Amino acid sequence: MSEFHYHFWCQACHRDYGEAQAERRDVDTPWGDGRWWFCPRCGAKLAEVHVYSDEEQALLRAVTEMLVRLKKKEQASNTKIYNLLLDIGHAFKPYLANCREACQYFYNAGDFAQKHNLPESERTVDYRRFAYQFNVSEEQYQVLLPIPQLLEDYLRYMLPI
């Protein structure tokens, strides 16, 4: 994943703005003076929203498409589902705050592969060592969830609006 970039969202107007369009004002906060971004149209405080890299957008698209297929009860390749779970785990892995999530996706991918007699991918991570390294207990990530729920959880995490 590449570096983060942000744009701003106005909940009141349901519009997004780039830095050049948003209005920045000095504000007095409980922690002292600061500067926040405001909507140039209605004056509401704007929320920062992550702008996704090409890789992140491709993964979000793939997860959405797979979720739609599964909800419609269409055939989906077990290998594609397995690789999608691995891709999500790898997307979470670089962020130490998401160690539990990464391990949970790798754990579920391993279980899915075993249930469907899939050969273990060379992209599989030794999540047990990864979890141990970052103090994530087995109880935190060894939770088997239905594939649609895993995909929905990822979308919910990535798309907070």
C-alpha atoms as a PDB file:
ATOM      1  CA  MET A   1       0.000   0.000   0.000  1.00  0.00           C
ATOM      2  CA  SER A   2       1.215   3.442  -0.750  1.00  0.00           C
ATOM      3  CA  GLU A   3       1.333   6.523   1.418  1.00  0.00           C
ATOM      4  CA  PHE A   4      -1.912   8.064   2.645  1.00  0.00           C
ATOM      5  CA  HIS A   5      -3.566  11.086   1.046  1.00  0.00           C
ATOM      6  CA  TYR A   6      -6.760  12.691   2.223  1.00  0.00           C
ATOM      7  CA  HIS A   7      -9.685  14.638   0.966  1.00  0.00           C
ATOM      8  CA  PHE A   8     -12.544  16.030   3.019  1.00  0.00           C
ATOM      9  CA  TRP A   9     -16.218  15.102   3.344  1.00  0.00           C
ATOM     10  CA  CYS A  10     -19.075  17.374   4.380  1.00  0.00           C
ATOM     11  CA  GLN A  11     -21.772  15.290   6.040  1.00  0.00           C
ATOM     12  CA  ALA A  12     -24.289  18.152   5.835  1.00  0.00           C
ATOM     13  CA  CYS A  13     -23.902  18.772   2.069  1.00  0.00           C
ATOM     14  CA  HIS A  14     -22.907  15.205   1.125  1.00  0.00           C
ATOM     15  CA  ARG A  15     -19.990  16.546  -0.915  1.00  0.00           C
ATOM     16  CA  ASP A  16     -16.289  15.968  -0.927  1.00  0.00           C
ATOM     17  CA  TYR A  17     -13.583  18.587  -1.268  1.00  0.00           C
ATOM     18  CA  GLY A  18      -9.885  18.643  -1.970  1.00  0.00           C
ATOM     19  CA  GLU A  19      -7.496  20.736   0.099  1.00  0.00           C
ATOM     20  CA  ALA A  20      -7.640  23.591  -2.407  1.00  0.00           C
ATOM     21  CA  GLN A  21     -11.448  23.777  -2.153  1.00  0.00           C
ATOM     22  CA  ALA A  22     -11.897  23.375   1.609  1.00  0.00           C
ATOM     23  CA  GLU A  23     -11.748  26.346   3.937  1.00  0.00           C
ATOM     24  CA  ARG A  24      -9.219  26.238   6.774  1.00  0.00           C
ATOM     25  CA  ARG A  25      -9.937  28.308   9.890  1.00  0.00           C
ATOM     26  CA  ASP A  26      -8.255  28.960  13.193  1.00  0.00           C
ATOM     27  CA  VAL A  27     -10.195  27.430  16.072  1.00  0.00           C
ATOM     28  CA  ASP A  28      -9.902  27.428  19.837  1.00  0.00           C
ATOM     29  CA  THR A  29      -9.914  23.858  21.148  1.00  0.00           C
ATOM     30  CA  PRO A  30      -9.739  22.413  24.671  1.00  0.00           C
ATOM     31  CA  TRP A  31      -6.063  21.709  23.926  1.00  0.00           C
ATOM     32  CA  GLY A  32      -5.245  25.194  22.628  1.00  0.00           C
ATOM     33  CA  ASP A  33      -5.421  26.847  19.266  1.00  0.00           C
ATOM     34  CA  GLY A  34      -5.620  24.807  16.131  1.00  0.00           C
ATOM     35  CA  ARG A  35      -6.676  24.828  12.503  1.00  0.00           C
ATOM     36  CA  TRP A  36      -9.531  22.732  11.149  1.00  0.00           C
ATOM     37  CA  TRP A  37     -11.088  22.310   7.734  1.00  0.00           C
ATOM     38  CA  PHE A  38     -14.606  23.618   7.060  1.00  0.00           C
ATOM     39  CA  CYS A  39     -17.097  23.339   4.211  1.00  0.00           C
ATOM     40  CA  PRO A  40     -16.937  26.393   1.937  1.00  0.00           C
ATOM     41  CA  ARG A  41     -20.642  25.957   1.190  1.00  0.00           C
ATOM     42  CA  CYS A  42     -22.318  25.499   4.597  1.00  0.00           C
ATOM     43  CA  GLY A  43     -19.494  26.089   7.090  1.00  0.00           C
ATOM     44  CA  ALA A  44     -19.722  22.637   8.751  1.00  0.00           C
ATOM     45  CA  LYS A  45     -16.559  20.984  10.029  1.00  0.00           C
ATOM     46  CA  LEU A  46     -15.189  18.577   7.424  1.00  0.00           C
ATOM     47  CA  ALA A  47     -14.064  15.029   8.089  1.00  0.00           C
ATOM     48  CA  GLU A  48     -10.803  13.791   6.618  1.00  0.00           C
ATOM     49  CA  VAL A  49     -11.331  10.830   4.317  1.00  0.00           C
ATOM     50  CA  HIS A  50      -8.670   8.476   3.072  1.00  0.00           C
ATOM     51  CA  VAL A  51      -7.996   8.534  -0.676  1.00  0.00           C
ATOM     52  CA  TYR A  52      -7.094   5.052  -1.835  1.00  0.00           C
ATOM     53  CA  SER A  53      -4.107   4.024  -3.918  1.00  0.00           C
ATOM     54  CA  ASP A  54      -4.634   2.119  -7.171  1.00  0.00           C
ATOM     55  CA  GLU A  55      -3.853  -1.157  -5.343  1.00  0.00           C
ATOM     56  CA  GLU A  56      -6.348  -0.395  -2.579  1.00  0.00           C
ATOM     57  CA  GLN A  57      -9.030   0.547  -5.106  1.00  0.00           C
ATOM     58  CA  ALA A  58      -8.449  -2.693  -7.033  1.00  0.00           C
ATOM     59  CA  LEU A  59      -8.793  -4.725  -3.816  1.00  0.00           C
ATOM     60  CA  LEU A  60     -11.950  -2.850  -2.772  1.00  0.00           C
ATOM     61  CA  ARG A  61     -13.428  -3.500  -6.226  1.00  0.00           C
ATOM     62  CA  ALA A  62     -12.509  -7.203  -6.102  1.00  0.00           C
ATOM     63  CA  VAL A  63     -13.966  -7.607  -2.593  1.00  0.00           C
ATOM     64  CA  THR A  64     -17.175  -5.826  -3.612  1.00  0.00           C
ATOM     65  CA  GLU A  65     -17.560  -7.913  -6.769  1.00  0.00           C
ATOM     66  CA  MET A  66     -16.983 -11.160  -4.857  1.00  0.00           C
ATOM     67  CA  LEU A  67     -19.450 -10.163  -2.155  1.00  0.00           C
ATOM     68  CA  VAL A  68     -22.104  -9.411  -4.783  1.00  0.00           C
ATOM     69  CA  ARG A  69     -21.485 -12.799  -6.437  1.00  0.00           C
ATOM     70  CA  LEU A  70     -21.767 -14.619  -3.121  1.00  0.00           C
ATOM     71  CA  LYS A  71     -24.932 -12.736  -2.137  1.00  0.00           C
ATOM     72  CA  LYS A  72     -26.500 -13.653  -5.492  1.00  0.00           C
ATOM     73  CA  LYS A  73     -25.422 -17.253  -4.852  1.00  0.00           C
ATOM     74  CA  GLU A  74     -23.396 -17.266  -8.082  1.00  0.00           C
ATOM     75  CA  GLN A  75     -20.467 -19.632  -8.511  1.00  0.00           C
ATOM     76  CA  ALA A  76     -17.170 -18.254  -7.297  1.00  0.00           C
ATOM     77  CA  SER A  77     -13.812 -19.925  -7.661  1.00  0.00           C
ATOM     78  CA  ASN A  78     -12.482 -21.250  -4.347  1.00  0.00           C
ATOM     79  CA  THR A  79      -9.001 -20.199  -5.431  1.00  0.00           C
ATOM     80  CA  LYS A  80     -10.194 -16.622  -6.029  1.00  0.00           C
ATOM     81  CA  ILE A  81     -11.865 -16.494  -2.620  1.00  0.00           C
ATOM     82  CA  TYR A  82      -8.731 -17.868  -0.949  1.00  0.00           C
ATOM     83  CA  ASN A  83      -6.469 -15.367  -2.731  1.00  0.00           C
ATOM     84  CA  LEU A  84      -8.839 -12.524  -1.864  1.00  0.00           C
ATOM     85  CA  LEU A  85      -8.614 -13.407   1.848  1.00  0.00           C
ATOM     86  CA  LEU A  86      -4.819 -13.455   1.544  1.00  0.00           C
ATOM     87  CA  ASP A  87      -4.851 -10.093  -0.259  1.00  0.00           C
ATOM     88  CA  ILE A  88      -6.909  -8.569   2.563  1.00  0.00           C
ATOM     89  CA  GLY A  89      -4.519 -10.010   5.163  1.00  0.00           C
ATOM     90  CA  HIS A  90      -1.547  -8.583   3.272  1.00  0.00           C
ATOM     91  CA  ALA A  91      -3.309  -5.214   3.009  1.00  0.00           C
ATOM     92  CA  PHE A  92      -3.701  -5.113   6.816  1.00  0.00           C
ATOM     93  CA  LYS A  93      -0.254  -6.515   7.621  1.00  0.00           C
ATOM     94  CA  PRO A  94       1.856  -3.348   7.175  1.00  0.00           C
ATOM     95  CA  TYR A  95      -0.175  -1.504   9.806  1.00  0.00           C
ATOM     96  CA  LEU A  96       0.761  -2.646  13.294  1.00  0.00           C
ATOM     97  CA  ALA A  97      -2.565  -1.401  14.628  1.00  0.00           C
ATOM     98  CA  ASN A  98      -4.228  -4.041  12.433  1.00  0.00           C
ATOM     99  CA  CYS A  99      -2.214  -7.120  13.456  1.00  0.00           C
ATOM    100  CA  ARG A 100      -5.306  -8.877  14.787  1.00  0.00           C
ATOM    101  CA  GLU A 101      -7.220  -8.252  11.566  1.00  0.00           C
ATOM    102  CA  ALA A 102      -4.329  -9.466   9.401  1.00  0.00           C
ATOM    103  CA  CYS A 103      -4.009 -12.653  11.464  1.00  0.00           C
ATOM    104  CA  GLN A 104      -7.767 -13.234  11.364  1.00  0.00           C
ATOM    105  CA  TYR A 105      -7.843 -13.079   7.556  1.00  0.00           C
ATOM    106  CA  PHE A 106      -4.794 -15.357   7.242  1.00  0.00           C
ATOM    107  CA  TYR A 107      -6.321 -17.801   9.745  1.00  0.00           C
ATOM    108  CA  ASN A 108      -9.633 -17.863   7.866  1.00  0.00           C
ATOM    109  CA  ALA A 109      -7.811 -18.214   4.526  1.00  0.00           C
ATOM    110  CA  GLY A 110      -5.891 -21.221   5.867  1.00  0.00           C
ATOM    111  CA  ASP A 111      -9.075 -22.845   7.124  1.00  0.00           C
ATOM    112  CA  PHE A 112     -10.828 -22.151   3.812  1.00  0.00           C
ATOM    113  CA  ALA A 113      -7.931 -23.663   1.839  1.00  0.00           C
ATOM    114  CA  GLN A 114      -7.934 -26.766   4.025  1.00  0.00           C
ATOM    115  CA  LYS A 115     -11.725 -27.255   3.718  1.00  0.00           C
ATOM    116  CA  HIS A 116     -11.545 -26.934  -0.084  1.00  0.00           C
ATOM    117  CA  ASN A 117      -8.345 -28.960  -0.610  1.00  0.00           C
ATOM    118  CA  LEU A 118      -6.481 -25.995  -2.066  1.00  0.00           C
ATOM    119  CA  PRO A 119      -2.700 -26.084  -2.234  1.00  0.00           C
ATOM    120  CA  GLU A 120      -1.112 -23.680   0.211  1.00  0.00           C
ATOM    121  CA  SER A 121      -0.164 -20.464  -1.545  1.00  0.00           C
ATOM    122  CA  GLU A 122       3.394 -19.210  -1.434  1.00  0.00           C
ATOM    123  CA  ARG A 123       1.806 -15.898  -0.357  1.00  0.00           C
ATOM    124  CA  THR A 124       0.615 -17.455   2.889  1.00  0.00           C
ATOM    125  CA  VAL A 125       2.133 -15.789   5.914  1.00  0.00           C
ATOM    126  CA  ASP A 126       3.181 -17.617   9.046  1.00  0.00           C
ATOM    127  CA  TYR A 127       0.521 -15.702  10.959  1.00  0.00           C
ATOM    128  CA  ARG A 128       1.280 -17.551  14.212  1.00  0.00           C
ATOM    129  CA  ARG A 129       4.774 -16.089  14.286  1.00  0.00           C
ATOM    130  CA  PHE A 130       3.405 -12.718  13.161  1.00  0.00           C
ATOM    131  CA  ALA A 131       0.794 -12.790  15.968  1.00  0.00           C
ATOM    132  CA  TYR A 132       3.391 -13.806  18.562  1.00  0.00           C
ATOM    133  CA  GLN A 133       5.754 -11.058  17.409  1.00  0.00           C
ATOM    134  CA  PHE A 134       3.081  -8.408  17.947  1.00  0.00           C
ATOM    135  CA  ASN A 135       1.438  -9.875  21.052  1.00  0.00           C
ATOM    136  CA  VAL A 136      -1.836 -10.952  19.440  1.00  0.00           C
ATOM    137  CA  SER A 137      -3.324 -13.888  21.339  1.00  0.00           C
ATOM    138  CA  GLU A 138      -4.874 -16.851  19.532  1.00  0.00           C
ATOM    139  CA  GLU A 139      -8.277 -16.044  21.044  1.00  0.00           C
ATOM    140  CA  GLN A 140      -8.187 -12.656  19.322  1.00  0.00           C
ATOM    141  CA  TYR A 141      -7.739 -13.920  15.771  1.00  0.00           C
ATOM    142  CA  GLN A 142      -8.679 -17.610  15.691  1.00  0.00           C
ATOM    143  CA  VAL A 143     -12.320 -16.916  14.964  1.00  0.00           C
ATOM    144  CA  LEU A 144     -13.836 -18.587  11.931  1.00  0.00           C
ATOM    145  CA  LEU A 145     -16.297 -16.342  10.156  1.00  0.00           C
ATOM    146  CA  PRO A 146     -18.426 -16.845   7.038  1.00  0.00           C
ATOM    147  CA  ILE A 147     -16.735 -15.507   3.899  1.00  0.00           C
ATOM    148  CA  PRO A 148     -19.451 -12.877   3.212  1.00  0.00           C
ATOM    149  CA  GLN A 149     -19.024 -11.518   6.730  1.00  0.00           C
ATOM    150  CA  LEU A 150     -15.234 -11.285   6.310  1.00  0.00           C
ATOM    151  CA  LEU A 151     -15.700  -9.375   3.053  1.00  0.00           C
ATOM    152  CA  GLU A 152     -18.334  -7.085   4.571  1.00  0.00           C
ATOM    153  CA  ASP A 153     -16.134  -6.424   7.605  1.00  0.00           C
ATOM    154  CA  TYR A 154     -13.261  -5.383   5.332  1.00  0.00           C
ATOM    155  CA  LEU A 155     -15.470  -3.033   3.329  1.00  0.00           C
ATOM    156  CA  ARG A 156     -16.952  -1.574   6.517  1.00  0.00           C
ATOM    157  CA  TYR A 157     -13.435  -0.966   7.858  1.00  0.00           C
ATOM    158  CA  MET A 158     -12.169   0.650   4.664  1.00  0.00           C
ATOM    159  CA  LEU A 159     -15.265   2.691   3.750  1.00  0.00           C
ATOM    160  CA  PRO A 160     -16.345   4.543   6.909  1.00  0.00           C
ATOM    161  CA  ILE A 161     -18.742   6.934   5.118  1.00  0.00           C
END
